[in-house]
Amino acid sequence: MSQIKTTAVLNAIIVDDEEFARSSLYFLLQENCDQVNILGIAKSVAEARTLLTAHQIDLIFLDIAMPGENGFELIPQAQISNATVIFTTAYDQYALKAIKANALDYLLKPIDIDDLKEAVVKAEKYINLSKAGNNRNESLKNLAADLTDRTAIKKITLPSGQGYRLVDIDDIIHIEADSNYSVFHLTNLEKIAVSKVLKDYEEILPENRFVRIHKSSIVNLKYIKEYNSKNGLQVILNNGDAINVSRRRASDFFDKIKNYTDFQSEN
């Protein structure tokens, strides 16, 4: 376990069992991210716990697939330390969905310099906004639950205004595209605009519950009141919104609604 000290804004550690991955990430951070102070480098989750106990850590660059304990097993200690996590990994599709929903960011290996710089800037803003709250802690709790239950993501973390909102996916009626924003329509009639495109949420949300019916719309099957073809194929939602189903997405919509209703009738 190495100890490295410099002068910077964000105290960070790197956790990875591969020597090349550790050294290359350290080099990239030293050359491109002046605001990051690497306080330590750990080859295992056990070593990372020691660093978290010894230092006040703001940011963890965390690999997932490691022998013995995997990266997710560090999450409870990260919660206690209120440290933000950026995953550095290539991992299975389900885990990436959960990471996108609840973690600050993830970087796929080999790590791209621009992606790294963007992730660090996002982390810096996020940490500064979270100093007075526990959003980081709650997001990691959700991530841990999602990865333990592996059946569906329960909550999603949305950047909103000057902070972050944790939204239960059961409260999402539909999401509409508005330029480079996604607007979430919730059951309490609230709307939350997020600076991510609709495709990002199409990949994150459980596909057995949410279906993209148009280039500008994702709907929660739970809140479909009816669908008809009076003015072209259209769905009517419980909140009264009427949304068109595009012709090319109609077949997928019918498959999803059938599977959803069959599942509901069995339970």
Protein backbone atom coordinates (compact mmCIF):
# COMPACT_ATOMS: atom_id res chain seq x y z
CA MET A 1 0.00 0.00 0.00
CA SER A 2 1.58 3.24 -1.17
CA GLN A 3 1.28 6.66 0.42
CA ILE A 4 1.50 9.64 -1.95
CA LYS A 5 0.95 13.24 -0.89
CA THR A 6 0.59 16.40 -2.95
CA THR A 7 -1.34 19.65 -2.54
CA ALA A 8 -4.82 19.77 -4.08
CA VAL A 9 -8.54 20.20 -3.39
CA LEU A 10 -10.00 16.69 -3.45
CA ASN A 11 -8.36 14.00 -1.31
CA ALA A 12 -8.60 10.76 -3.24
CA ILE A 13 -7.52 7.12 -3.27
CA ILE A 14 -7.14 4.63 -6.11
CA VAL A 15 -8.33 1.06 -5.51
CA ASP A 16 -7.36 -1.54 -8.11
CA ASP A 17 -5.71 -4.96 -7.99
CA GLU A 18 -3.88 -4.48 -11.30
CA GLU A 19 -0.55 -2.68 -11.07
CA PHE A 20 -0.73 -1.24 -14.59
CA ALA A 21 -4.27 0.10 -13.99
CA ARG A 22 -3.21 1.73 -10.71
CA SER A 23 -0.09 3.37 -12.11
CA SER A 24 -1.69 4.53 -15.35
CA LEU A 25 -4.65 6.13 -13.55
CA TYR A 26 -2.28 7.80 -11.09
CA PHE A 27 -0.25 9.19 -13.99
CA LEU A 28 -3.37 10.44 -15.80
CA LEU A 29 -4.61 12.18 -12.67
CA GLN A 30 -1.23 13.77 -11.95
CA GLU A 31 -0.92 15.09 -15.49
CA ASN A 32 -4.51 16.22 -16.07
CA CYS A 33 -6.37 16.80 -12.79
CA ASP A 34 -4.62 19.32 -10.54
CA GLN A 35 -7.58 19.42 -8.16
CA VAL A 36 -7.04 15.76 -7.13
CA ASN A 37 -4.67 14.89 -4.29
CA ILE A 38 -3.89 11.16 -4.29
CA LEU A 39 -3.46 10.26 -0.62
CA GLY A 40 -3.04 6.55 -1.21
CA ILE A 41 -3.17 3.62 -3.59
CA ALA A 42 -4.72 0.31 -2.53
CA LYS A 43 -4.44 -3.11 -4.17
CA SER A 44 -7.50 -4.51 -2.38
CA VAL A 45 -10.68 -3.55 -0.56
CA ALA A 46 -8.96 -4.36 2.75
CA GLU A 47 -6.18 -1.86 2.02
CA ALA A 48 -8.74 0.71 0.93
CA ARG A 49 -10.58 0.37 4.25
CA THR A 50 -7.34 1.15 6.06
CA LEU A 51 -6.85 4.30 3.99
CA LEU A 52 -10.44 5.41 4.59
CA THR A 53 -9.96 4.95 8.32
CA ALA A 54 -6.67 6.86 8.37
CA HIS A 55 -7.65 9.81 6.15
CA GLN A 56 -10.58 12.05 5.30
CA ILE A 57 -11.23 10.92 1.73
CA ASP A 58 -13.46 12.86 -0.67
CA LEU A 59 -13.13 10.67 -3.75
CA ILE A 60 -12.52 6.98 -4.46
CA PHE A 61 -11.49 5.65 -7.87
CA LEU A 62 -12.74 2.12 -7.42
CA ASP A 63 -12.28 -0.99 -9.54
CA ILE A 64 -15.05 -3.59 -9.27
CA ALA A 65 -13.68 -6.95 -10.40
CA MET A 66 -10.97 -7.78 -7.85
CA PRO A 67 -10.05 -11.13 -6.27
CA GLY A 68 -11.39 -11.76 -2.79
CA GLU A 69 -13.70 -8.83 -2.08
CA ASN A 70 -15.02 -6.94 -5.10
CA GLY A 71 -15.33 -3.18 -5.25
CA PHE A 72 -18.99 -3.14 -4.24
CA GLU A 73 -18.00 -4.50 -0.83
CA LEU A 74 -16.24 -1.21 -0.10
CA ILE A 75 -19.53 0.69 -0.40
CA PRO A 76 -20.49 0.43 3.32
CA GLN A 77 -17.15 1.98 4.34
CA ALA A 78 -17.52 4.64 1.63
CA GLN A 79 -20.95 5.46 3.11
CA ILE A 80 -19.50 5.86 6.59
CA SER A 81 -16.72 8.07 5.24
CA ASN A 82 -19.16 10.02 3.04
CA ALA A 83 -16.79 9.53 0.12
CA THR A 84 -17.87 9.90 -3.50
CA VAL A 85 -17.16 6.92 -5.76
CA ILE A 86 -16.10 6.90 -9.40
CA PHE A 87 -15.97 3.32 -10.65
CA THR A 88 -13.13 2.40 -13.00
CA THR A 89 -14.15 -0.84 -14.61
CA ALA A 90 -15.52 -2.96 -17.39
CA TYR A 91 -18.43 -4.81 -15.80
CA ASP A 92 -21.66 -6.61 -16.66
CA GLN A 93 -24.60 -4.74 -18.15
CA TYR A 94 -26.83 -4.91 -15.09
CA ALA A 95 -24.20 -3.47 -12.80
CA LEU A 96 -23.57 -0.61 -15.21
CA LYS A 97 -27.28 0.22 -15.15
CA ALA A 98 -27.21 0.38 -11.36
CA ILE A 99 -24.03 2.45 -11.41
CA LYS A 100 -25.52 4.92 -13.89
CA ALA A 101 -28.62 5.24 -11.74
CA ASN A 102 -26.95 5.83 -8.39
CA ALA A 103 -23.20 6.37 -8.56
CA LEU A 104 -21.66 9.69 -9.51
CA ASP A 105 -19.88 8.27 -12.56
CA TYR A 106 -17.99 5.35 -14.00
CA LEU A 107 -15.03 5.10 -16.37
CA LEU A 108 -14.55 2.15 -18.67
CA LYS A 109 -11.03 0.83 -19.09
CA PRO A 110 -8.87 1.81 -20.86
CA ILE A 111 -9.65 5.21 -19.38
CA ASP A 112 -10.06 8.10 -21.79
CA ILE A 113 -8.38 11.34 -20.64
CA ASP A 114 -11.35 13.56 -21.54
CA ASP A 115 -13.78 11.24 -19.76
CA LEU A 116 -11.54 11.28 -16.69
CA LYS A 117 -11.31 15.07 -16.63
CA GLU A 118 -15.08 15.39 -17.05
CA ALA A 119 -15.72 12.88 -14.24
CA VAL A 120 -13.37 14.73 -11.87
CA VAL A 121 -15.00 18.10 -12.60
CA LYS A 122 -18.40 16.55 -11.96
CA ALA A 123 -17.11 15.02 -8.72
CA GLU A 124 -15.72 18.36 -7.55
CA LYS A 125 -19.08 20.09 -8.10
CA TYR A 126 -20.99 17.20 -6.53
CA ILE A 127 -18.79 17.08 -3.43
CA ASN A 128 -19.03 20.83 -2.91
CA LEU A 129 -22.83 20.69 -3.21
CA SER A 130 -23.05 17.73 -0.87
CA LYS A 131 -20.95 19.11 1.98
CA ALA A 132 -24.05 20.03 3.98
CA GLY A 133 -26.16 16.98 3.08
CA ASN A 134 -26.07 13.21 2.73
CA ASN A 135 -27.00 12.69 -0.92
CA ARG A 136 -23.80 10.79 -1.59
CA ASN A 137 -24.52 8.43 1.26
CA GLU A 138 -28.13 7.82 0.15
CA SER A 139 -27.10 7.21 -3.46
CA LEU A 140 -24.60 4.57 -2.40
CA LYS A 141 -27.25 2.91 -0.23
CA ASN A 142 -29.49 2.67 -3.28
CA LEU A 143 -26.65 1.28 -5.37
CA ALA A 144 -25.89 -1.35 -2.76
CA ALA A 145 -29.56 -2.36 -2.61
CA ASP A 146 -29.88 -2.51 -6.39
CA LEU A 147 -26.83 -4.72 -6.76
CA THR A 148 -27.93 -7.02 -3.93
CA ASP A 149 -31.48 -7.43 -5.22
CA ARG A 150 -30.50 -7.64 -8.96
CA THR A 151 -34.18 -7.73 -10.02
CA ALA A 152 -34.76 -4.04 -10.65
CA ILE A 153 -33.50 -0.60 -9.84
CA LYS A 154 -35.69 0.92 -7.11
CA LYS A 155 -34.53 4.54 -7.06
CA ILE A 156 -32.67 6.87 -9.35
CA THR A 157 -30.47 9.87 -8.55
CA LEU A 158 -31.30 12.98 -10.58
CA PRO A 159 -29.19 16.16 -10.67
CA SER A 160 -31.65 18.96 -9.97
CA GLY A 161 -30.89 22.67 -9.63
CA GLN A 162 -28.18 23.09 -7.02
CA GLY A 163 -28.35 19.52 -5.69
CA TYR A 164 -29.54 15.99 -6.31
CA ARG A 165 -32.93 14.32 -5.97
CA LEU A 166 -33.52 10.68 -5.13
CA VAL A 167 -36.65 9.54 -6.98
CA ASP A 168 -38.46 6.25 -6.56
CA ILE A 169 -39.00 4.81 -10.03
CA ASP A 170 -42.57 3.95 -9.02
CA ASP A 171 -43.21 7.70 -8.87
CA ILE A 172 -42.19 8.28 -12.50
CA ILE A 173 -45.20 8.45 -14.84
CA HIS A 174 -43.29 9.33 -17.99
CA ILE A 175 -40.20 11.12 -19.25
CA GLU A 176 -40.17 13.48 -22.20
CA ALA A 177 -37.27 14.82 -24.23
CA ASP A 178 -36.77 18.57 -24.40
CA SER A 179 -33.71 19.33 -26.52
CA ASN A 180 -30.74 17.99 -24.49
CA TYR A 181 -32.86 17.69 -21.35
CA SER A 182 -35.08 14.93 -20.01
CA VAL A 183 -38.19 16.05 -18.12
CA PHE A 184 -39.50 13.64 -15.48
CA HIS A 185 -43.26 13.75 -14.81
CA LEU A 186 -43.96 12.43 -11.32
CA THR A 187 -47.08 11.14 -9.58
CA ASN A 188 -47.22 14.23 -7.35
CA LEU A 189 -47.49 16.35 -10.56
CA GLU A 190 -43.96 17.66 -10.06
CA LYS A 191 -41.66 17.98 -13.09
CA ILE A 192 -37.88 17.61 -12.87
CA ALA A 193 -35.68 18.66 -15.79
CA VAL A 194 -32.33 16.87 -16.02
CA SER A 195 -29.47 17.71 -18.37
CA LYS A 196 -29.19 14.22 -19.84
CA VAL A 197 -30.69 12.85 -23.04
CA LEU A 198 -33.55 10.38 -23.03
CA LYS A 199 -31.36 7.53 -24.25
CA ASP A 200 -29.38 7.61 -20.99
CA TYR A 201 -32.54 6.82 -19.03
CA GLU A 202 -33.75 4.29 -21.58
CA GLU A 203 -30.57 2.33 -20.76
CA ILE A 204 -30.88 2.78 -16.99
CA LEU A 205 -34.55 2.08 -16.23
CA PRO A 206 -35.90 -1.50 -16.04
CA GLU A 207 -37.03 -2.44 -19.55
CA ASN A 208 -39.88 -4.59 -18.21
CA ARG A 209 -41.42 -1.48 -16.65
CA PHE A 210 -40.44 1.41 -18.90
CA VAL A 211 -40.82 1.55 -22.67
CA ARG A 212 -39.75 4.16 -25.16
CA ILE A 213 -42.78 4.72 -27.37
CA HIS A 214 -41.50 7.72 -29.29
CA LYS A 215 -38.17 9.46 -29.91
CA SER A 216 -39.26 12.01 -27.30
CA SER A 217 -41.12 9.82 -24.77
CA ILE A 218 -40.57 7.00 -22.27
CA VAL A 219 -43.61 5.82 -20.32
CA ASN A 220 -44.04 3.76 -17.17
CA LEU A 221 -46.32 0.86 -18.10
CA LYS A 222 -47.83 1.00 -14.62
CA TYR A 223 -49.53 4.31 -15.43
CA ILE A 224 -51.03 3.53 -18.83
CA LYS A 225 -54.78 3.98 -18.50
CA GLU A 226 -55.63 3.07 -22.10
CA TYR A 227 -54.27 3.01 -25.62
CA ASN A 228 -56.18 3.54 -28.84
CA SER A 229 -55.78 4.28 -32.54
CA LYS A 230 -58.27 7.14 -32.94
CA ASN A 231 -55.58 9.61 -33.96
CA GLY A 232 -52.81 7.17 -34.77
CA LEU A 233 -51.65 4.88 -31.97
CA GLN A 234 -51.75 6.81 -28.70
CA VAL A 235 -51.46 6.04 -24.99
CA ILE A 236 -53.45 7.83 -22.30
CA LEU A 237 -51.74 7.99 -18.91
CA ASN A 238 -53.32 8.18 -15.46
CA ASN A 239 -52.42 11.85 -15.16
CA GLY A 240 -54.37 12.59 -18.37
CA ASP A 241 -51.37 13.05 -20.66
CA ALA A 242 -51.85 11.65 -24.18
CA ILE A 243 -48.66 10.52 -25.94
CA ASN A 244 -48.26 9.25 -29.48
CA VAL A 245 -46.60 5.92 -30.18
CA SER A 246 -44.35 6.11 -33.22
CA ARG A 247 -44.99 3.57 -35.95
CA ARG A 248 -41.56 2.00 -35.71
CA ARG A 249 -41.86 1.54 -31.94
CA ALA A 250 -45.39 0.13 -31.98
CA SER A 251 -44.36 -3.53 -32.16
CA ASP A 252 -42.03 -3.21 -29.18
CA PHE A 253 -44.72 -1.34 -27.26
CA PHE A 254 -47.27 -4.12 -27.81
CA ASP A 255 -44.75 -6.76 -26.75
CA LYS A 256 -43.89 -4.86 -23.58
CA ILE A 257 -47.49 -4.12 -22.62
CA LYS A 258 -48.44 -7.78 -23.15
CA ASN A 259 -45.56 -9.07 -21.04
CA TYR A 260 -46.34 -6.52 -18.34
CA THR A 261 -50.05 -7.33 -18.15
CA ASP A 262 -49.35 -11.08 -18.22
CA PHE A 263 -46.92 -10.64 -15.31
CA GLN A 264 -49.41 -8.53 -13.35
CA SER A 265 -52.20 -11.10 -13.84
CA GLU A 266 -49.94 -13.84 -12.46
CA ASN A 267 -49.22 -11.90 -9.27
